[in-house]
N, C-alpha and C. Protein backbone atom coordinates (compact mmCIF):
# COMPACT_ATOMS: atom_id res chain seq x y z
N UNK A 1 0.82 -1.23 0.00
CA UNK A 1 -0.02 0.05 -0.01
C UNK A 1 0.83 1.28 0.04
N UNK A 2 1.98 1.19 0.73
CA UNK A 2 2.80 2.31 0.87
C UNK A 2 3.39 2.79 -0.55
N UNK A 3 3.70 1.84 -1.35
CA UNK A 3 4.32 2.26 -2.73
C UNK A 3 3.19 2.74 -3.52
N UNK A 4 2.04 2.36 -3.41
CA UNK A 4 0.95 2.92 -4.25
C UNK A 4 0.68 4.32 -3.80
N UNK A 5 0.79 4.63 -2.46
CA UNK A 5 0.67 6.08 -2.01
C UNK A 5 1.73 6.96 -2.56
N UNK A 6 2.94 6.39 -2.71
CA UNK A 6 4.11 7.08 -3.28
C UNK A 6 3.71 7.36 -4.80
N UNK A 7 3.21 6.36 -5.37
CA UNK A 7 2.92 6.54 -6.98
C UNK A 7 1.77 7.62 -7.08
N UNK A 8 0.91 7.57 -6.07
CA UNK A 8 -0.30 8.63 -6.16
C UNK A 8 0.34 9.98 -6.01
N UNK A 9 1.22 10.22 -5.01
CA UNK A 9 1.93 11.47 -4.66
C UNK A 9 2.75 11.91 -5.89
N UNK A 10 3.57 10.99 -6.42
CA UNK A 10 4.43 11.30 -7.48
C UNK A 10 3.69 11.77 -8.76
N UNK A 11 2.64 10.97 -9.03
CA UNK A 11 1.79 11.26 -10.20
C UNK A 11 1.00 12.61 -10.09
N UNK A 12 0.57 12.93 -8.90
CA UNK A 12 -0.06 14.17 -8.81
C UNK A 12 0.93 15.35 -8.84
N UNK A 13 2.18 15.16 -8.39
CA UNK A 13 3.18 16.15 -8.55
C UNK A 13 3.46 16.44 -9.93
N UNK A 14 3.58 15.39 -10.71
CA UNK A 14 3.88 15.59 -12.16
C UNK A 14 2.76 16.24 -12.89
N UNK A 15 1.54 15.91 -12.45
CA UNK A 15 0.35 16.45 -13.14
C UNK A 15 0.19 17.94 -12.73
N UNK A 16 0.74 18.32 -11.52
CA UNK A 16 0.60 19.73 -11.18
C UNK A 16 1.29 20.60 -12.14
N UNK A 17 2.45 20.14 -12.53
CA UNK A 17 3.22 20.94 -13.58
C UNK A 17 2.68 20.67 -15.03
N UNK A 18 2.10 19.46 -15.32
CA UNK A 18 1.72 19.15 -16.62
C UNK A 18 0.35 18.29 -16.53
N UNK A 19 -0.69 19.00 -16.47
CA UNK A 19 -2.06 18.20 -16.29
C UNK A 19 -2.41 17.20 -17.41
N UNK A 20 -1.61 17.19 -18.56
CA UNK A 20 -1.92 16.26 -19.57
C UNK A 20 -0.97 15.18 -19.76
N UNK A 21 -0.08 15.08 -18.79
CA UNK A 21 0.99 14.02 -18.77
C UNK A 21 0.39 12.68 -18.65
N UNK A 22 0.11 12.03 -19.82
CA UNK A 22 -0.65 10.75 -19.93
C UNK A 22 -0.01 9.73 -19.12
N UNK A 23 1.26 9.49 -18.99
CA UNK A 23 1.85 8.42 -18.20
C UNK A 23 1.70 8.72 -16.79
N UNK A 24 1.53 9.94 -16.20
CA UNK A 24 1.31 10.29 -14.95
C UNK A 24 -0.17 9.88 -14.68
N UNK A 25 -1.09 10.27 -15.55
CA UNK A 25 -2.38 9.95 -15.35
C UNK A 25 -2.65 8.44 -15.30
N UNK A 26 -1.92 7.69 -16.22
CA UNK A 26 -2.14 6.16 -16.02
C UNK A 26 -1.65 5.61 -14.81
N UNK A 27 -0.48 6.18 -14.32
CA UNK A 27 0.13 5.70 -13.00
C UNK A 27 -0.81 6.06 -11.83
N UNK A 28 -1.46 7.31 -11.90
CA UNK A 28 -2.33 7.67 -10.94
C UNK A 28 -3.68 6.85 -10.90
N UNK A 29 -4.17 6.64 -12.11
CA UNK A 29 -5.46 5.77 -12.26
C UNK A 29 -5.25 4.39 -11.75
N UNK A 30 -4.06 3.77 -12.04
CA UNK A 30 -3.73 2.47 -11.61
C UNK A 30 -3.61 2.44 -10.02
N UNK A 31 -2.88 3.31 -9.49
CA UNK A 31 -2.65 3.26 -8.00
C UNK A 31 -4.01 3.66 -7.33
N UNK A 32 -4.75 4.38 -7.88
CA UNK A 32 -6.03 4.67 -7.19
C UNK A 32 -6.90 3.39 -7.29
N UNK A 33 -6.95 2.69 -8.41
CA UNK A 33 -7.72 1.53 -8.48
C UNK A 33 -7.21 0.42 -7.46
N UNK A 34 -5.88 0.35 -7.49
CA UNK A 34 -5.36 -0.70 -6.42
C UNK A 34 -5.67 -0.36 -5.01
N UNK A 35 -5.80 0.82 -4.72
CA UNK A 35 -6.01 1.21 -3.35
C UNK A 35 -7.56 1.32 -3.15
N UNK A 36 -8.33 0.96 -4.06
CA UNK A 36 -9.83 0.93 -3.85
C UNK A 36 -10.56 2.26 -4.11
N UNK A 37 -9.80 3.21 -4.53
CA UNK A 37 -10.40 4.61 -4.62
C UNK A 37 -11.08 4.75 -6.00
N UNK A 38 -12.05 3.94 -6.28
CA UNK A 38 -12.53 3.75 -7.63
C UNK A 38 -13.34 5.06 -8.12
N UNK A 39 -13.86 5.74 -7.36
CA UNK A 39 -14.46 7.13 -7.87
C UNK A 39 -13.35 8.04 -8.46
N UNK A 40 -12.31 8.08 -7.70
CA UNK A 40 -11.26 8.94 -8.20
C UNK A 40 -10.59 8.28 -9.47
N UNK A 41 -10.50 7.01 -9.44
CA UNK A 41 -9.86 6.37 -10.65
C UNK A 41 -10.74 6.58 -11.84
N UNK A 42 -12.10 6.50 -11.75
CA UNK A 42 -13.03 6.90 -12.79
C UNK A 42 -12.79 8.20 -13.44
N UNK A 43 -12.55 9.18 -12.53
CA UNK A 43 -12.32 10.56 -13.04
C UNK A 43 -11.01 10.55 -13.83
N UNK A 44 -10.01 9.84 -13.35
CA UNK A 44 -8.70 9.90 -14.06
C UNK A 44 -9.01 9.18 -15.56
N UNK A 45 -9.64 8.15 -15.51
CA UNK A 45 -9.86 7.35 -16.71
C UNK A 45 -10.70 8.17 -17.74
N UNK A 46 -11.57 8.93 -17.19
CA UNK A 46 -12.39 9.84 -18.07
C UNK A 46 -11.59 10.92 -18.69
N UNK A 47 -10.54 11.42 -17.94
CA UNK A 47 -9.70 12.46 -18.49
C UNK A 47 -8.85 11.76 -19.52
N UNK A 48 -8.31 10.49 -19.27
CA UNK A 48 -7.41 9.82 -20.24
C UNK A 48 -8.22 9.64 -21.60
N UNK A 49 -9.50 9.17 -21.44
CA UNK A 49 -10.25 8.97 -22.79
C UNK A 49 -10.35 10.22 -23.51
N UNK A 50 -10.53 11.34 -22.81
CA UNK A 50 -10.65 12.66 -23.56
C UNK A 50 -9.33 13.05 -24.20
N UNK A 51 -8.21 12.76 -23.39
CA UNK A 51 -6.88 13.19 -23.86
C UNK A 51 -6.45 12.24 -25.02
N UNK A 52 -6.79 10.92 -24.83
CA UNK A 52 -6.35 9.88 -25.86
C UNK A 52 -7.49 9.13 -26.43
N UNK A 53 -8.43 9.83 -27.26
CA UNK A 53 -9.66 9.12 -27.64
C UNK A 53 -9.58 7.92 -28.51
N UNK A 54 -8.47 7.66 -29.07
CA UNK A 54 -8.17 6.65 -29.89
C UNK A 54 -7.35 5.53 -29.35
N UNK A 55 -7.09 5.56 -28.03
CA UNK A 55 -6.18 4.69 -27.33
C UNK A 55 -7.03 3.53 -26.79
N UNK A 56 -6.87 2.28 -27.13
CA UNK A 56 -7.69 1.21 -26.59
C UNK A 56 -7.45 1.04 -25.08
N UNK A 57 -6.28 1.17 -24.51
CA UNK A 57 -6.05 0.95 -23.16
C UNK A 57 -6.79 1.91 -22.28
N UNK A 58 -6.96 3.09 -22.74
CA UNK A 58 -7.66 4.15 -22.01
C UNK A 58 -9.18 3.78 -21.89
N UNK A 59 -9.73 3.26 -22.96
CA UNK A 59 -11.16 2.75 -22.94
C UNK A 59 -11.24 1.48 -22.20
N UNK A 60 -10.37 0.69 -22.17
CA UNK A 60 -10.37 -0.53 -21.36
C UNK A 60 -10.27 -0.22 -19.90
N UNK A 61 -9.38 0.72 -19.52
CA UNK A 61 -9.31 1.13 -18.15
C UNK A 61 -10.51 1.76 -17.71
N UNK A 62 -11.23 2.51 -18.54
CA UNK A 62 -12.50 3.11 -18.24
C UNK A 62 -13.50 2.14 -17.96
N UNK A 63 -13.52 1.04 -18.77
CA UNK A 63 -14.51 -0.09 -18.56
C UNK A 63 -14.19 -0.80 -17.17
N UNK A 64 -12.97 -0.88 -16.80
CA UNK A 64 -12.58 -1.42 -15.48
C UNK A 64 -13.05 -0.55 -14.32
N UNK A 65 -12.94 0.78 -14.49
CA UNK A 65 -13.49 1.71 -13.50
C UNK A 65 -14.91 1.50 -13.34
N UNK A 66 -15.61 1.68 -14.42
CA UNK A 66 -17.00 1.49 -14.52
C UNK A 66 -17.47 0.25 -13.85
N UNK A 67 -16.89 -0.95 -14.06
CA UNK A 67 -17.15 -2.15 -13.58
C UNK A 67 -17.06 -2.15 -12.08
N UNK A 68 -15.81 -1.66 -11.62
CA UNK A 68 -15.63 -1.59 -10.20
C UNK A 68 -16.62 -0.85 -9.42
N UNK A 69 -17.27 0.13 -10.03
CA UNK A 69 -18.30 0.82 -9.44
C UNK A 69 -19.72 0.38 -9.69
N UNK A 70 -19.81 -0.71 -10.32
CA UNK A 70 -21.11 -1.40 -10.56
C UNK A 70 -21.85 -0.78 -11.72
N UNK A 71 -21.23 0.08 -12.46
CA UNK A 71 -21.93 0.70 -13.68
C UNK A 71 -21.60 -0.20 -15.00
N UNK A 72 -22.24 -1.34 -14.85
CA UNK A 72 -22.01 -2.44 -15.88
C UNK A 72 -22.37 -2.00 -17.34
N UNK A 73 -23.49 -1.34 -17.35
CA UNK A 73 -23.98 -0.82 -18.85
C UNK A 73 -22.78 -0.04 -19.41
N UNK A 74 -22.33 1.00 -18.62
CA UNK A 74 -21.28 1.96 -19.20
C UNK A 74 -19.99 1.14 -19.32
N UNK A 75 -19.73 0.11 -18.57
CA UNK A 75 -18.49 -0.67 -18.66
C UNK A 75 -18.56 -1.43 -19.94
N UNK A 76 -19.75 -1.97 -20.30
CA UNK A 76 -19.82 -2.62 -21.63
C UNK A 76 -19.56 -1.76 -22.82
N UNK A 77 -20.02 -0.50 -22.68
CA UNK A 77 -19.88 0.43 -23.76
C UNK A 77 -18.31 0.84 -23.92
N UNK A 78 -17.70 1.02 -22.75
CA UNK A 78 -16.24 1.37 -22.91
C UNK A 78 -15.47 0.18 -23.44
N UNK A 79 -15.83 -1.00 -23.01
CA UNK A 79 -15.15 -2.26 -23.52
C UNK A 79 -15.30 -2.44 -24.93
N UNK A 80 -16.54 -2.15 -25.44
CA UNK A 80 -16.77 -2.25 -26.96
C UNK A 80 -15.93 -1.30 -27.61
N UNK A 81 -15.73 -0.12 -27.14
CA UNK A 81 -14.97 1.02 -27.72
C UNK A 81 -13.47 0.47 -27.76
N UNK A 82 -12.97 -0.16 -26.55
CA UNK A 82 -11.60 -0.64 -26.66
C UNK A 82 -11.49 -1.72 -27.63
N UNK A 83 -12.30 -2.54 -27.87
CA UNK A 83 -12.24 -3.60 -28.84
C UNK A 83 -12.25 -2.95 -30.31
N UNK A 84 -13.06 -1.98 -30.56
CA UNK A 84 -13.10 -1.25 -31.72
C UNK A 84 -11.80 -0.62 -32.10
N UNK A 85 -11.08 -0.17 -31.07
CA UNK A 85 -9.87 0.54 -31.17
C UNK A 85 -8.63 -0.41 -31.30
N UNK A 86 -8.84 -1.72 -30.99
CA UNK A 86 -7.77 -2.61 -31.10
C UNK A 86 -7.35 -3.49 -29.96
N UNK A 87 -8.09 -3.31 -28.87
CA UNK A 87 -7.77 -4.24 -27.69
C UNK A 87 -7.98 -5.64 -28.04
N UNK A 88 -6.96 -6.44 -27.72
CA UNK A 88 -6.99 -7.83 -28.20
C UNK A 88 -6.53 -8.88 -27.14
N UNK A 89 -6.35 -8.38 -25.91
CA UNK A 89 -5.80 -9.20 -24.81
C UNK A 89 -6.88 -10.13 -24.16
N UNK A 90 -7.19 -11.21 -24.88
CA UNK A 90 -8.29 -12.03 -24.43
C UNK A 90 -8.03 -12.68 -22.97
N UNK A 91 -6.81 -13.12 -22.81
CA UNK A 91 -6.49 -13.70 -21.54
C UNK A 91 -6.58 -12.80 -20.36
N UNK A 92 -6.11 -11.51 -20.57
CA UNK A 92 -6.19 -10.51 -19.57
C UNK A 92 -7.58 -10.15 -19.21
N UNK A 93 -8.50 -10.13 -20.21
CA UNK A 93 -9.86 -9.80 -20.10
C UNK A 93 -10.54 -10.78 -19.24
N UNK A 94 -10.19 -12.08 -19.32
CA UNK A 94 -10.77 -13.17 -18.50
C UNK A 94 -10.29 -13.22 -17.07
N UNK A 95 -9.07 -12.53 -16.66
CA UNK A 95 -8.64 -12.66 -15.33
C UNK A 95 -8.55 -11.41 -14.72
N UNK A 96 -8.81 -10.19 -15.39
CA UNK A 96 -8.67 -9.02 -14.65
C UNK A 96 -9.78 -8.86 -13.62
N UNK A 97 -9.40 -8.62 -12.36
CA UNK A 97 -10.33 -8.54 -11.26
C UNK A 97 -11.27 -7.37 -11.34
N UNK A 98 -10.71 -6.29 -12.05
CA UNK A 98 -11.57 -5.15 -12.21
C UNK A 98 -12.81 -5.26 -13.04
N UNK A 99 -12.79 -6.37 -13.74
CA UNK A 99 -13.84 -6.74 -14.65
C UNK A 99 -14.91 -7.76 -14.06
N UNK A 100 -14.80 -8.09 -12.78
CA UNK A 100 -15.56 -9.16 -12.25
C UNK A 100 -17.12 -8.94 -12.56
N UNK A 101 -17.57 -7.62 -12.28
CA UNK A 101 -18.93 -7.39 -12.42
C UNK A 101 -19.39 -7.51 -13.88
N UNK A 102 -18.56 -7.23 -14.84
CA UNK A 102 -18.78 -7.34 -16.25
C UNK A 102 -19.03 -8.95 -16.58
N UNK A 103 -18.03 -9.69 -16.01
CA UNK A 103 -18.00 -11.07 -16.34
C UNK A 103 -19.16 -11.77 -15.73
N UNK A 104 -19.84 -11.30 -14.76
CA UNK A 104 -21.06 -11.87 -14.20
C UNK A 104 -22.25 -11.66 -15.04
N UNK A 105 -22.15 -10.68 -15.86
CA UNK A 105 -23.33 -10.26 -16.63
C UNK A 105 -23.43 -11.22 -17.89
N UNK A 106 -24.56 -11.76 -18.18
CA UNK A 106 -24.79 -12.71 -19.27
C UNK A 106 -24.34 -12.05 -20.55
N UNK A 107 -24.31 -10.79 -20.70
CA UNK A 107 -23.89 -10.21 -22.02
C UNK A 107 -22.45 -10.37 -22.25
N UNK A 108 -21.66 -10.84 -21.24
CA UNK A 108 -20.20 -11.15 -21.39
C UNK A 108 -19.95 -12.25 -22.33
N UNK A 109 -20.63 -13.29 -22.09
CA UNK A 109 -20.56 -14.44 -22.93
C UNK A 109 -20.86 -14.10 -24.44
N UNK A 110 -21.87 -13.37 -24.70
CA UNK A 110 -22.09 -12.83 -26.04
C UNK A 110 -21.11 -12.00 -26.68
N UNK A 111 -20.52 -11.19 -25.83
CA UNK A 111 -19.50 -10.34 -26.24
C UNK A 111 -18.24 -11.15 -26.71
N UNK A 112 -17.90 -12.31 -25.92
CA UNK A 112 -16.75 -13.08 -26.26
C UNK A 112 -17.04 -13.84 -27.56
N UNK A 113 -18.24 -14.30 -27.72
CA UNK A 113 -18.53 -15.08 -28.87
C UNK A 113 -18.58 -14.11 -30.07
N UNK A 114 -19.10 -12.89 -29.99
CA UNK A 114 -19.09 -11.94 -31.06
C UNK A 114 -17.69 -11.52 -31.51
N UNK A 115 -16.83 -11.22 -30.50
CA UNK A 115 -15.43 -10.78 -30.76
C UNK A 115 -14.43 -11.84 -30.99
N UNK A 116 -14.63 -12.85 -30.37
CA UNK A 116 -13.55 -13.98 -30.57
C UNK A 116 -14.08 -15.31 -30.93
N UNK A 117 -15.38 -15.44 -31.11
CA UNK A 117 -15.96 -16.75 -31.56
C UNK A 117 -15.75 -17.83 -30.60
N UNK A 118 -15.66 -17.35 -29.28
CA UNK A 118 -15.62 -18.49 -28.23
C UNK A 118 -16.13 -17.96 -26.89
N UNK A 119 -16.38 -18.92 -26.07
CA UNK A 119 -16.98 -18.57 -24.77
C UNK A 119 -15.86 -18.59 -23.85
N UNK A 120 -16.27 -18.02 -22.55
CA UNK A 120 -15.22 -17.99 -21.41
C UNK A 120 -15.13 -19.39 -21.01
N UNK A 121 -13.85 -19.87 -20.69
CA UNK A 121 -13.58 -21.26 -20.30
C UNK A 121 -14.23 -21.43 -18.90
N UNK A 122 -14.81 -22.68 -18.70
CA UNK A 122 -15.29 -22.99 -17.38
C UNK A 122 -14.38 -23.13 -16.35
N UNK A 123 -14.58 -22.79 -15.18
CA UNK A 123 -13.56 -22.90 -14.00
C UNK A 123 -13.95 -23.97 -13.13
């Protein structure tokens, strides 16, 4: 936890001097998510999507933040956008804890079938 607080402080210091420093925004969003500060992480991910509208990872991270907050409909929208822009990490999608709420939704199976022609493996 201590190192994540350091990352939060460092990212905020960088952003104080350069509010559009996307690496600092990513570091901050990640550290906020890890520390369970999902409302703040969502705000950062929304900034990143505005700053980098064609970046698939920004939309993927937005989907994760939405999922963590139980905003499943919006999470699916962000995930679809990430796929449209080129996100292709199927294995990460299946194990990312931030997408647990999305994976519980029946639409997730349909999304996998539509995007990859396969279902989520049974556990």
